Structures are given as structure tokens and as C-alpha cells.
């Protein structure tokens, strides 16, 4: 049975735990959320590549979207403050 990463903590979630009301065993956050969906993309209108999906305001709360499909790419570790600061300094460094 395939497992997918939680978009919040990266913990593995079995495919059968993405129903409305299900939550991640590790972080206890909802699993059937836009940010865990393969269609989720902040670059698109309503942050969704599926143009027929209804608008969902809170992308981190469980919803009833009929187009939901778990994503393998939903988790990306957040960079630490030091990494972000170093990246900003490198970007604006005087030549």
C-alpha cells in the first residue's frame, strides 16, 4: 500500500488515511487538505491546477474536494532562519 508524506511534518501517511476527518498520526493535522493534494500549486488560480475544483479558502483544513489526490511532493522541509538569512545576503551582496 503506497504511503505519502504529510505536507506539515513529512511523516508517512497510508493511502487509506486521506478521508475527511483523518489526521496525521505524528502531527495530528488534517490529511485531506489542499497542501497534501497533487493538484495543489500556489502559482495557479485558487492554488489549484484543476480548473473545475471549487474554491477552498483554507488550504490547511480538511475539505470535500472531489478532485483530491494525495501527493508525493507535498512536503518540503522549511529552511532555518540562518539559511534564509544567508540566501538573502547572497542575493543582495554588493559586487
N, C-alpha and C. Protein backbone atom coordinates (compact mmCIF):
# COMPACT_ATOMS: atom_id res chain seq x y z
N UNK A 1 0.85 -1.17 0.00
CA UNK A 1 0.00 0.00 0.00
C UNK A 1 0.90 1.24 0.00
N UNK A 2 0.71 2.16 -0.96
CA UNK A 2 1.58 3.35 -1.01
C UNK A 2 1.37 4.28 0.18
N UNK A 3 2.42 4.98 0.54
CA UNK A 3 2.36 5.97 1.60
C UNK A 3 2.84 7.31 1.05
N UNK A 4 2.27 8.37 1.56
CA UNK A 4 2.56 9.71 1.09
C UNK A 4 3.07 10.56 2.26
N UNK A 5 3.91 11.56 2.01
CA UNK A 5 4.39 12.40 3.10
C UNK A 5 3.33 13.42 3.53
N UNK A 6 3.26 13.65 4.83
CA UNK A 6 2.40 14.69 5.36
C UNK A 6 3.00 16.04 4.94
N UNK A 7 2.18 16.95 4.45
CA UNK A 7 2.69 18.25 4.00
C UNK A 7 3.17 19.11 5.16
N UNK A 8 2.79 18.77 6.38
CA UNK A 8 3.16 19.57 7.54
C UNK A 8 4.42 19.06 8.23
N UNK A 9 4.55 17.72 8.40
CA UNK A 9 5.68 17.18 9.15
C UNK A 9 6.54 16.19 8.38
N UNK A 10 6.07 15.72 7.23
CA UNK A 10 6.84 14.77 6.42
C UNK A 10 6.64 13.32 6.80
N UNK A 11 5.88 13.05 7.83
CA UNK A 11 5.61 11.68 8.26
C UNK A 11 4.83 10.94 7.19
N UNK A 12 5.03 9.62 7.08
CA UNK A 12 4.32 8.81 6.08
C UNK A 12 2.87 8.60 6.45
N UNK A 13 1.99 8.77 5.45
CA UNK A 13 0.55 8.58 5.64
C UNK A 13 0.09 7.52 4.63
N UNK A 14 -0.51 6.42 5.08
CA UNK A 14 -1.03 5.41 4.17
C UNK A 14 -2.15 5.98 3.29
N UNK A 15 -2.30 5.44 2.10
CA UNK A 15 -3.29 5.93 1.14
C UNK A 15 -4.71 5.90 1.70
N UNK A 16 -5.00 4.97 2.61
CA UNK A 16 -6.35 4.87 3.15
C UNK A 16 -6.62 5.82 4.32
N UNK A 17 -5.73 6.77 4.57
CA UNK A 17 -5.93 7.74 5.65
C UNK A 17 -6.04 9.18 5.14
N UNK A 18 -6.66 9.33 3.99
CA UNK A 18 -6.87 10.66 3.41
C UNK A 18 -8.36 10.98 3.27
N UNK A 19 -9.17 10.48 4.18
CA UNK A 19 -10.59 10.80 4.16
C UNK A 19 -10.85 12.00 5.06
N UNK A 20 -11.96 12.68 4.83
CA UNK A 20 -12.30 13.83 5.66
C UNK A 20 -12.40 13.37 7.10
N UNK A 21 -11.73 14.05 7.99
CA UNK A 21 -11.72 13.67 9.40
C UNK A 21 -10.47 12.89 9.80
N UNK A 22 -9.70 12.39 8.83
CA UNK A 22 -8.46 11.69 9.14
C UNK A 22 -7.38 12.72 9.48
N UNK A 23 -6.45 12.31 10.33
CA UNK A 23 -5.35 13.20 10.69
C UNK A 23 -4.04 12.42 10.71
N UNK A 24 -2.95 13.14 10.60
CA UNK A 24 -1.61 12.56 10.62
C UNK A 24 -1.34 11.99 12.02
N UNK A 25 -0.80 10.79 12.06
CA UNK A 25 -0.51 10.15 13.35
C UNK A 25 0.56 10.90 14.13
N UNK A 26 1.46 11.58 13.43
CA UNK A 26 2.56 12.28 14.11
C UNK A 26 2.17 13.69 14.56
N UNK A 27 1.72 14.54 13.63
CA UNK A 27 1.46 15.94 13.97
C UNK A 27 -0.01 16.24 14.27
N UNK A 28 -0.89 15.26 14.03
CA UNK A 28 -2.33 15.38 14.34
C UNK A 28 -3.06 16.41 13.49
N UNK A 29 -2.48 16.84 12.38
CA UNK A 29 -3.14 17.81 11.49
C UNK A 29 -3.98 17.04 10.46
N UNK A 30 -4.96 17.72 9.86
CA UNK A 30 -5.81 17.10 8.84
C UNK A 30 -4.96 16.59 7.68
N UNK A 31 -5.36 15.46 7.09
CA UNK A 31 -4.62 14.92 5.95
C UNK A 31 -5.25 15.28 4.61
N UNK A 32 -6.58 15.36 4.56
CA UNK A 32 -7.25 15.68 3.29
C UNK A 32 -7.34 17.20 3.15
N UNK A 33 -6.21 17.80 2.84
CA UNK A 33 -6.11 19.25 2.69
C UNK A 33 -5.48 19.58 1.34
N UNK A 34 -5.71 20.77 0.87
CA UNK A 34 -5.16 21.19 -0.42
C UNK A 34 -3.65 21.00 -0.50
N UNK A 35 -2.95 21.33 0.57
CA UNK A 35 -1.49 21.25 0.53
C UNK A 35 -0.97 19.82 0.45
N UNK A 36 -1.82 18.83 0.69
CA UNK A 36 -1.44 17.41 0.53
C UNK A 36 -1.88 16.87 -0.82
N UNK A 37 -2.46 17.70 -1.66
CA UNK A 37 -3.03 17.25 -2.93
C UNK A 37 -2.05 17.44 -4.10
N UNK A 38 -2.10 16.50 -5.02
CA UNK A 38 -1.25 16.57 -6.21
C UNK A 38 -1.60 17.75 -7.10
N UNK A 39 -2.84 18.22 -7.04
CA UNK A 39 -3.28 19.36 -7.85
C UNK A 39 -2.84 20.71 -7.26
N UNK A 40 -2.42 20.73 -6.00
CA UNK A 40 -2.06 21.98 -5.33
C UNK A 40 -0.83 22.62 -5.98
N UNK A 41 -0.97 23.89 -6.33
CA UNK A 41 0.14 24.65 -6.91
C UNK A 41 -0.15 26.13 -6.69
N UNK A 42 0.60 26.79 -5.80
CA UNK A 42 0.35 28.19 -5.49
C UNK A 42 0.46 29.13 -6.69
N UNK A 43 1.08 28.69 -7.76
CA UNK A 43 1.23 29.53 -8.94
C UNK A 43 -0.06 29.63 -9.76
N UNK A 44 -1.04 28.80 -9.46
CA UNK A 44 -2.29 28.78 -10.22
C UNK A 44 -3.41 29.52 -9.49
N UNK A 45 -4.47 29.86 -10.24
CA UNK A 45 -5.65 30.48 -9.65
C UNK A 45 -6.20 29.55 -8.57
N UNK A 46 -6.52 30.07 -7.43
CA UNK A 46 -7.02 29.32 -6.29
C UNK A 46 -6.00 28.27 -5.81
N UNK A 47 -4.75 28.41 -6.22
CA UNK A 47 -3.67 27.48 -5.86
C UNK A 47 -3.97 26.04 -6.27
N UNK A 48 -4.69 25.88 -7.38
CA UNK A 48 -5.09 24.54 -7.82
C UNK A 48 -4.98 24.43 -9.35
N UNK A 49 -4.31 23.37 -9.81
CA UNK A 49 -4.17 23.15 -11.25
C UNK A 49 -5.43 22.56 -11.87
N UNK A 50 -6.36 22.08 -11.05
CA UNK A 50 -7.64 21.56 -11.55
C UNK A 50 -8.61 22.73 -11.65
N UNK A 51 -8.92 23.15 -12.87
CA UNK A 51 -9.73 24.36 -13.05
C UNK A 51 -11.22 24.17 -12.77
N UNK A 52 -11.69 22.95 -12.55
CA UNK A 52 -13.09 22.73 -12.24
C UNK A 52 -13.35 22.57 -10.73
N UNK A 53 -12.29 22.53 -9.95
CA UNK A 53 -12.44 22.37 -8.50
C UNK A 53 -13.06 23.62 -7.88
N UNK A 54 -13.89 23.41 -6.88
CA UNK A 54 -14.46 24.54 -6.14
C UNK A 54 -13.37 25.24 -5.36
N UNK A 55 -13.56 26.53 -5.11
CA UNK A 55 -12.59 27.32 -4.35
C UNK A 55 -12.56 26.86 -2.90
N UNK A 56 -11.37 26.66 -2.38
CA UNK A 56 -11.17 26.32 -0.98
C UNK A 56 -10.33 27.44 -0.38
N UNK A 57 -10.86 28.10 0.63
CA UNK A 57 -10.18 29.25 1.21
C UNK A 57 -9.00 28.82 2.08
N UNK A 58 -9.22 27.91 3.02
CA UNK A 58 -8.16 27.48 3.93
C UNK A 58 -7.52 26.21 3.39
N UNK A 59 -6.33 26.32 2.86
CA UNK A 59 -5.62 25.20 2.22
C UNK A 59 -5.07 24.20 3.22
N UNK A 60 -5.17 24.50 4.52
CA UNK A 60 -4.62 23.62 5.55
C UNK A 60 -5.70 22.95 6.40
N UNK A 61 -6.95 23.10 6.01
CA UNK A 61 -8.07 22.48 6.72
C UNK A 61 -8.71 21.42 5.82
N UNK A 62 -9.26 20.40 6.42
CA UNK A 62 -9.92 19.32 5.69
C UNK A 62 -11.07 19.89 4.85
N UNK A 63 -11.28 19.30 3.65
CA UNK A 63 -12.32 19.80 2.77
C UNK A 63 -13.00 18.65 2.01
N UNK A 64 -14.00 18.98 1.22
CA UNK A 64 -14.77 17.98 0.49
C UNK A 64 -14.44 17.93 -1.00
N UNK A 65 -13.30 18.41 -1.42
CA UNK A 65 -12.97 18.47 -2.85
C UNK A 65 -13.01 17.08 -3.49
N UNK A 66 -13.75 16.98 -4.60
CA UNK A 66 -13.87 15.71 -5.32
C UNK A 66 -12.62 15.38 -6.14
N UNK A 67 -11.74 16.35 -6.33
CA UNK A 67 -10.55 16.14 -7.15
C UNK A 67 -9.31 15.80 -6.33
N UNK A 68 -9.45 15.68 -5.02
CA UNK A 68 -8.30 15.42 -4.16
C UNK A 68 -7.56 14.15 -4.57
N UNK A 69 -6.24 14.28 -4.68
CA UNK A 69 -5.37 13.15 -4.98
C UNK A 69 -4.09 13.34 -4.17
N UNK A 70 -3.74 12.40 -3.26
CA UNK A 70 -2.54 12.57 -2.44
C UNK A 70 -1.29 12.80 -3.30
N UNK A 71 -0.38 13.57 -2.75
CA UNK A 71 0.83 13.93 -3.49
C UNK A 71 2.09 13.43 -2.80
N UNK A 72 3.03 12.95 -3.61
CA UNK A 72 4.34 12.56 -3.08
C UNK A 72 5.22 13.77 -2.87
N UNK A 73 4.89 14.90 -3.49
CA UNK A 73 5.74 16.09 -3.44
C UNK A 73 5.24 17.16 -2.48
N UNK A 74 4.33 16.82 -1.59
CA UNK A 74 3.70 17.84 -0.75
C UNK A 74 4.56 18.36 0.39
N UNK A 75 5.60 17.62 0.82
CA UNK A 75 6.39 18.07 1.96
C UNK A 75 7.73 18.62 1.50
N UNK A 76 8.06 19.79 1.99
CA UNK A 76 9.40 20.33 1.78
C UNK A 76 9.83 20.94 3.10
N UNK A 77 10.94 20.46 3.66
CA UNK A 77 11.38 20.99 4.95
C UNK A 77 11.60 22.49 4.87
N UNK A 78 11.22 23.18 5.90
CA UNK A 78 11.41 24.63 5.93
C UNK A 78 12.87 24.93 6.22
N UNK A 79 13.37 25.94 5.57
CA UNK A 79 14.76 26.31 5.83
C UNK A 79 14.86 27.04 7.16
N UNK A 80 15.98 26.88 7.81
CA UNK A 80 16.17 27.55 9.09
C UNK A 80 16.37 29.04 8.85
N UNK A 81 16.28 29.82 9.89
CA UNK A 81 16.47 31.27 9.79
C UNK A 81 17.86 31.62 9.28
N UNK A 82 18.87 30.83 9.68
CA UNK A 82 20.23 31.08 9.22
C UNK A 82 20.36 30.86 7.72
N UNK A 83 19.73 29.79 7.21
CA UNK A 83 19.78 29.52 5.78
C UNK A 83 19.08 30.62 4.99
N UNK A 84 17.94 31.08 5.48
CA UNK A 84 17.20 32.14 4.79
C UNK A 84 18.00 33.44 4.80
N UNK A 85 18.63 33.74 5.92
CA UNK A 85 19.43 34.96 6.03
C UNK A 85 20.62 34.89 5.07
N UNK A 86 21.29 33.74 5.01
CA UNK A 86 22.43 33.57 4.11
C UNK A 86 22.00 33.71 2.65
N UNK A 87 20.84 33.17 2.31
CA UNK A 87 20.34 33.28 0.94
C UNK A 87 20.03 34.74 0.60
N UNK A 88 19.44 35.48 1.53
CA UNK A 88 19.12 36.89 1.30
C UNK A 88 20.40 37.72 1.16
N UNK A 89 21.38 37.44 2.00
CA UNK A 89 22.64 38.17 1.91
C UNK A 89 23.35 37.90 0.59
N UNK A 90 23.30 36.66 0.14
CA UNK A 90 23.93 36.31 -1.14
C UNK A 90 23.21 36.99 -2.29
N UNK A 91 21.90 37.12 -2.18
CA UNK A 91 21.11 37.73 -3.24
C UNK A 91 21.41 39.23 -3.37
N UNK A 92 21.54 39.91 -2.24
CA UNK A 92 21.73 41.36 -2.25
C UNK A 92 23.16 41.79 -2.01
N UNK A 93 24.09 40.86 -2.10
CA UNK A 93 25.51 41.17 -1.86
C UNK A 93 26.02 42.14 -2.93
N UNK A 94 26.78 43.13 -2.48
CA UNK A 94 27.36 44.10 -3.42
C UNK A 94 28.50 43.43 -4.16
N UNK A 95 28.62 43.78 -5.44
CA UNK A 95 29.67 43.17 -6.26
C UNK A 95 30.92 44.01 -6.24
